[in-house]
């Protein structure tokens, strides 16, 4: 099985490191418009070689590990792939991407979202084992061809991911609350602190809480702008719900209503029960 990866950043590069260990993967090649990414990917041996876009279309499996708007823009240029080719996107949103797939290659297409990553980006950030024991959500899989379904399941299972299935609309709604909104909050927190505090005080007083909450603010602005654009409706609803909850805590503090504050914090503690 020859695999082509379009986009050799954190996700694409880490995927290459995992896939090359599978005995049924014969070769992994890459394509990236960023020449510096190409050099780093070759230096780190993430892929065997960098190929042209036309060449990568000849692969048995093509992964799209690029920003979600770039995935949508690229889909029309993949309309001449083979009937047997499996095309897998790894974007953080799903509904708009699925809707953009040309009908005549819809059977080729598998919409996937690996729930794995770090706050870093680019091929230097690629790490082996990033996907091991992590969840991958496969969306609208019934609309993919039988062969393509089997290939996707075989590959993701082979790198030890936990497969879950969902409709693309439902995925985007859930992701807005659990993934996208936390990033918005982290960006906002970082900007608030940077506008109010000097660098020396941040370094002096920042402890585990601030470091944990601001970690996501290191993420790629390009990637997350695209995700926020595509998931705007769900994200705005999630932000509104967050603002409502934050206002409850704000008013409780303002009004010396420490009982309400305590009860809301106690209710929040229940989240930990889900992870224990």
Protein backbone atom coordinates (compact mmCIF):
# COMPACT_ATOMS: atom_id res chain seq x y z
CA UNK A 1 0.00 0.00 0.00
CA UNK A 2 1.54 3.30 -1.12
CA UNK A 3 0.52 6.28 0.99
CA UNK A 4 0.69 9.95 0.12
CA UNK A 5 0.40 12.68 2.74
CA UNK A 6 -0.51 16.22 1.73
CA UNK A 7 0.67 18.53 4.51
CA UNK A 8 3.76 17.59 6.51
CA UNK A 9 3.17 19.45 9.75
CA UNK A 10 2.46 18.07 13.21
CA UNK A 11 -0.42 15.81 12.15
CA UNK A 12 0.87 14.75 8.74
CA UNK A 13 4.41 14.20 9.99
CA UNK A 14 3.33 12.29 13.09
CA UNK A 15 1.02 10.16 10.98
CA UNK A 16 3.90 9.27 8.67
CA UNK A 17 6.01 8.16 11.63
CA UNK A 18 3.21 5.87 12.80
CA UNK A 19 2.20 4.47 9.41
CA UNK A 20 5.72 3.54 8.31
CA UNK A 21 5.77 0.84 11.01
CA UNK A 22 2.82 -1.02 9.46
CA UNK A 23 3.95 -4.11 7.50
CA UNK A 24 1.42 -3.57 4.71
CA UNK A 25 2.59 0.01 4.01
CA UNK A 26 5.20 -0.18 1.26
CA UNK A 27 6.04 3.50 0.83
CA UNK A 28 5.11 6.92 2.20
CA UNK A 29 5.59 10.04 0.08
CA UNK A 30 4.70 13.62 0.85
CA UNK A 31 3.56 16.87 -0.71
CA UNK A 32 3.77 20.30 0.94
CA UNK A 33 3.78 23.75 -0.68
CA UNK A 34 6.16 25.01 2.03
CA UNK A 35 9.73 24.32 0.86
CA UNK A 36 11.09 24.57 4.41
CA UNK A 37 8.62 21.91 5.52
CA UNK A 38 9.79 19.75 2.65
CA UNK A 39 13.44 20.01 3.76
CA UNK A 40 12.65 19.24 7.39
CA UNK A 41 10.40 16.29 6.47
CA UNK A 42 13.17 14.76 4.37
CA UNK A 43 15.85 15.47 6.98
CA UNK A 44 13.74 13.79 9.68
CA UNK A 45 12.82 10.97 7.26
CA UNK A 46 9.13 11.51 7.82
CA UNK A 47 8.55 10.51 4.19
CA UNK A 48 10.73 8.72 1.63
CA UNK A 49 10.48 11.52 -0.88
CA UNK A 50 8.65 14.72 -1.77
CA UNK A 51 6.60 14.32 -4.94
CA UNK A 52 4.50 16.52 -7.18
CA UNK A 53 0.78 16.94 -6.67
CA UNK A 54 0.08 14.92 -9.81
CA UNK A 55 2.28 12.08 -8.53
CA UNK A 56 0.66 11.95 -5.12
CA UNK A 57 -2.70 11.40 -6.79
CA UNK A 58 -1.39 8.00 -7.93
CA UNK A 59 -1.07 6.72 -4.35
CA UNK A 60 -3.39 4.05 -2.99
CA UNK A 61 -4.24 6.24 0.00
CA UNK A 62 -4.06 10.03 0.20
CA UNK A 63 -4.25 11.81 3.56
CA UNK A 64 -5.19 15.49 3.66
CA UNK A 65 -3.37 16.91 6.71
CA UNK A 66 -3.78 20.59 5.89
CA UNK A 67 -5.97 23.43 7.27
CA UNK A 68 -9.68 22.84 6.76
CA UNK A 69 -10.20 25.67 4.26
CA UNK A 70 -7.29 24.31 2.21
CA UNK A 71 -8.97 20.89 2.20
CA UNK A 72 -12.15 22.37 0.77
CA UNK A 73 -10.17 24.27 -1.89
CA UNK A 74 -8.17 21.19 -2.86
CA UNK A 75 -11.02 18.72 -3.29
CA UNK A 76 -11.94 19.81 -6.82
CA UNK A 77 -8.35 19.12 -7.91
CA UNK A 78 -8.67 15.50 -6.79
CA UNK A 79 -11.59 14.67 -9.05
CA UNK A 80 -9.50 12.45 -11.34
CA UNK A 81 -8.21 9.98 -8.73
CA UNK A 82 -8.64 6.27 -9.32
CA UNK A 83 -11.86 4.46 -8.45
CA UNK A 84 -9.91 2.47 -5.84
CA UNK A 85 -8.09 5.39 -4.20
CA UNK A 86 -8.90 6.11 -0.57
CA UNK A 87 -8.94 9.83 0.26
CA UNK A 88 -8.91 10.63 3.98
CA UNK A 89 -9.17 14.13 5.40
CA UNK A 90 -7.96 14.85 8.93
CA UNK A 91 -9.56 18.24 9.48
CA UNK A 92 -10.91 19.52 12.78
CA UNK A 93 -14.31 20.29 11.26
CA UNK A 94 -16.33 17.92 9.14
CA UNK A 95 -19.68 19.16 7.82
CA UNK A 96 -18.46 21.79 5.33
CA UNK A 97 -15.68 19.51 4.13
CA UNK A 98 -18.05 16.60 3.50
CA UNK A 99 -20.43 18.93 1.67
CA UNK A 100 -17.58 20.14 -0.58
CA UNK A 101 -16.57 16.67 -1.82
CA UNK A 102 -17.41 16.34 -5.56
CA UNK A 103 -20.23 13.76 -5.85
CA UNK A 104 -18.36 11.52 -8.27
CA UNK A 105 -15.54 10.91 -5.75
CA UNK A 106 -17.71 10.78 -2.61
CA UNK A 107 -17.21 7.00 -2.43
CA UNK A 108 -13.41 7.62 -2.37
CA UNK A 109 -13.69 9.96 0.58
CA UNK A 110 -13.45 9.21 4.31
CA UNK A 111 -14.02 12.08 6.77
CA UNK A 112 -11.83 11.54 9.83
CA UNK A 113 -10.84 13.60 12.84
CA UNK A 114 -8.03 12.18 14.98
CA UNK A 115 -8.43 13.63 18.47
CA UNK A 116 -4.73 14.05 19.01
CA UNK A 117 -2.26 16.88 18.83
CA UNK A 118 -0.11 19.32 20.74
CA UNK A 119 0.10 23.10 20.89
CA UNK A 120 3.06 22.99 18.48
CA UNK A 121 2.97 22.86 14.70
CA UNK A 122 5.16 22.22 11.67
CA UNK A 123 7.24 19.12 10.78
CA UNK A 124 9.65 19.76 13.65
CA UNK A 125 6.70 19.12 16.00
CA UNK A 126 5.98 15.66 14.56
CA UNK A 127 6.29 12.94 17.19
CA UNK A 128 6.10 9.18 17.04
CA UNK A 129 3.19 7.61 18.90
CA UNK A 130 1.03 10.76 18.83
CA UNK A 131 -2.05 8.75 17.82
CA UNK A 132 -1.59 5.65 19.96
CA UNK A 133 -4.71 4.93 22.06
CA UNK A 134 -6.28 8.20 20.93
CA UNK A 135 -9.79 8.52 19.48
CA UNK A 136 -10.42 8.99 15.79
CA UNK A 137 -13.94 10.04 14.80
CA UNK A 138 -15.10 8.74 11.42
CA UNK A 139 -18.01 10.79 10.09
CA UNK A 140 -20.77 9.80 7.65
CA UNK A 141 -18.87 6.59 6.95
CA UNK A 142 -21.87 4.92 5.32
CA UNK A 143 -21.46 7.33 2.40
CA UNK A 144 -17.93 6.07 1.73
CA UNK A 145 -17.21 3.09 -0.52
CA UNK A 146 -16.89 -0.34 1.08
CA UNK A 147 -13.24 -0.60 0.04
CA UNK A 148 -12.47 2.87 1.38
CA UNK A 149 -14.18 2.09 4.69
CA UNK A 150 -12.11 -1.05 5.09
CA UNK A 151 -8.85 0.73 4.25
CA UNK A 152 -9.51 3.55 6.72
CA UNK A 153 -10.44 1.15 9.52
CA UNK A 154 -7.37 -0.98 8.82
CA UNK A 155 -5.00 2.00 8.89
CA UNK A 156 -6.39 3.70 12.00
CA UNK A 157 -6.66 0.39 13.84
CA UNK A 158 -3.11 -0.43 12.76
CA UNK A 159 -1.73 2.65 14.52
CA UNK A 160 -3.78 1.72 17.61
CA UNK A 161 -6.46 4.37 17.50
CA UNK A 162 -9.92 3.98 19.04
CA UNK A 163 -12.53 4.24 16.28
CA UNK A 164 -15.81 6.06 16.90
CA UNK A 165 -18.55 6.91 14.41
CA UNK A 166 -20.66 10.05 14.15
CA UNK A 167 -22.61 12.23 11.73
CA UNK A 168 -20.60 15.25 10.57
CA UNK A 169 -23.18 17.75 11.91
CA UNK A 170 -23.09 16.15 15.36
CA UNK A 171 -19.29 16.05 15.32
CA UNK A 172 -19.05 19.79 14.66
CA UNK A 173 -21.49 20.63 17.44
CA UNK A 174 -19.66 18.50 20.01
CA UNK A 175 -16.25 19.72 18.83
CA UNK A 176 -17.36 23.34 19.28
CA UNK A 177 -17.84 22.80 23.01
CA UNK A 178 -15.07 20.34 23.77
CA UNK A 179 -12.28 21.43 21.43
CA UNK A 180 -12.92 24.72 19.66
CA UNK A 181 -14.28 26.84 22.51
CA UNK A 182 -11.38 25.94 24.86
CA UNK A 183 -9.01 27.28 22.22
CA UNK A 184 -10.96 30.55 21.99
CA UNK A 185 -10.86 30.86 25.78
CA UNK A 186 -7.12 30.17 25.84
CA UNK A 187 -6.39 32.78 23.15
CA UNK A 188 -8.54 35.29 25.05
CA UNK A 189 -6.86 34.53 28.38
CA UNK A 190 -3.40 34.95 26.88
CA UNK A 191 -4.29 38.30 25.29
CA UNK A 192 -5.92 39.54 28.51
CA UNK A 193 -2.84 38.76 30.58
CA UNK A 194 -0.45 40.14 27.95
CA UNK A 195 -2.37 43.42 27.86
CA UNK A 196 -2.38 43.83 31.66
CA UNK A 197 0.89 42.32 32.88
CA UNK A 198 4.56 42.78 32.15
CA UNK A 199 6.67 39.87 30.98
CA UNK A 200 8.61 39.72 34.25
CA UNK A 201 5.47 39.35 36.36
CA UNK A 202 4.07 36.66 34.06
CA UNK A 203 7.28 34.65 34.41
CA UNK A 204 7.40 35.22 38.16
CA UNK A 205 3.81 34.40 39.07
CA UNK A 206 2.59 32.00 36.39
CA UNK A 207 2.03 28.59 37.98
CA UNK A 208 0.41 25.36 36.84
CA UNK A 209 -3.08 26.80 36.43
CA UNK A 210 -2.12 29.60 34.08
CA UNK A 211 0.31 27.39 32.16
CA UNK A 212 -2.35 24.73 31.62
CA UNK A 213 -5.04 27.18 30.54
CA UNK A 214 -2.79 29.24 28.26
CA UNK A 215 -1.05 26.26 26.62
CA UNK A 216 -3.55 26.16 23.74
CA UNK A 217 -2.79 29.80 22.91
CA UNK A 218 0.48 28.58 21.35
CA UNK A 219 -1.52 26.82 18.62
CA UNK A 220 -1.36 27.74 14.93
CA UNK A 221 -3.46 30.88 14.22
CA UNK A 222 -3.87 29.88 10.57
CA UNK A 223 -5.24 26.45 11.38
CA UNK A 224 -7.60 27.68 14.09
CA UNK A 225 -8.89 30.66 12.12
CA UNK A 226 -10.00 28.20 9.42
CA UNK A 227 -11.66 25.92 11.98
CA UNK A 228 -13.48 28.84 13.61
CA UNK A 229 -14.70 30.04 10.20
CA UNK A 230 -16.07 26.64 9.24
CA UNK A 231 -17.69 25.96 12.60
CA UNK A 232 -18.89 29.52 13.23
CA UNK A 233 -22.53 28.73 14.08
CA UNK A 234 -21.81 25.98 16.61
CA UNK A 235 -18.87 27.90 18.08
CA UNK A 236 -20.88 31.09 18.66
CA UNK A 237 -23.54 29.08 20.48
CA UNK A 238 -20.87 27.47 22.66
CA UNK A 239 -19.32 30.87 23.46
CA UNK A 240 -22.74 32.26 24.42
CA UNK A 241 -23.29 29.38 26.85
CA UNK A 242 -19.81 29.93 28.29
CA UNK A 243 -20.49 33.66 28.70
CA UNK A 244 -23.71 32.83 30.57
CA UNK A 245 -21.90 30.56 33.01
CA UNK A 246 -19.04 33.05 33.45
CA UNK A 247 -21.58 35.79 34.19
CA UNK A 248 -23.11 33.66 36.98
CA UNK A 249 -19.72 33.38 38.64
CA UNK A 250 -18.95 37.06 38.07
CA UNK A 251 -22.23 38.19 39.68
CA UNK A 252 -21.80 35.78 42.57
CA UNK A 253 -18.41 37.31 43.36
CA UNK A 254 -19.72 40.86 42.88
CA UNK A 255 -22.69 40.21 45.20
CA UNK A 256 -20.69 38.31 47.83
CA UNK A 257 -22.86 35.31 47.03
CA UNK A 258 -20.24 32.80 48.07
CA UNK A 259 -22.76 29.97 48.40
CA UNK A 260 -23.68 30.19 44.69
CA UNK A 261 -20.01 30.43 43.78
CA UNK A 262 -19.21 27.36 45.85
CA UNK A 263 -22.09 25.34 44.38
CA UNK A 264 -21.10 26.21 40.79
CA UNK A 265 -17.49 25.19 41.49
CA UNK A 266 -18.69 21.99 43.15
CA UNK A 267 -20.83 21.23 40.10
CA UNK A 268 -17.78 21.77 37.89
CA UNK A 269 -15.85 19.19 39.90
CA UNK A 270 -18.14 16.53 38.41
CA UNK A 271 -16.23 16.83 35.15
CA UNK A 272 -13.34 14.98 36.74
CA UNK A 273 -15.61 12.00 37.38
CA UNK A 274 -15.89 11.52 33.62
CA UNK A 275 -12.12 11.12 33.28
CA UNK A 276 -11.58 8.97 36.38
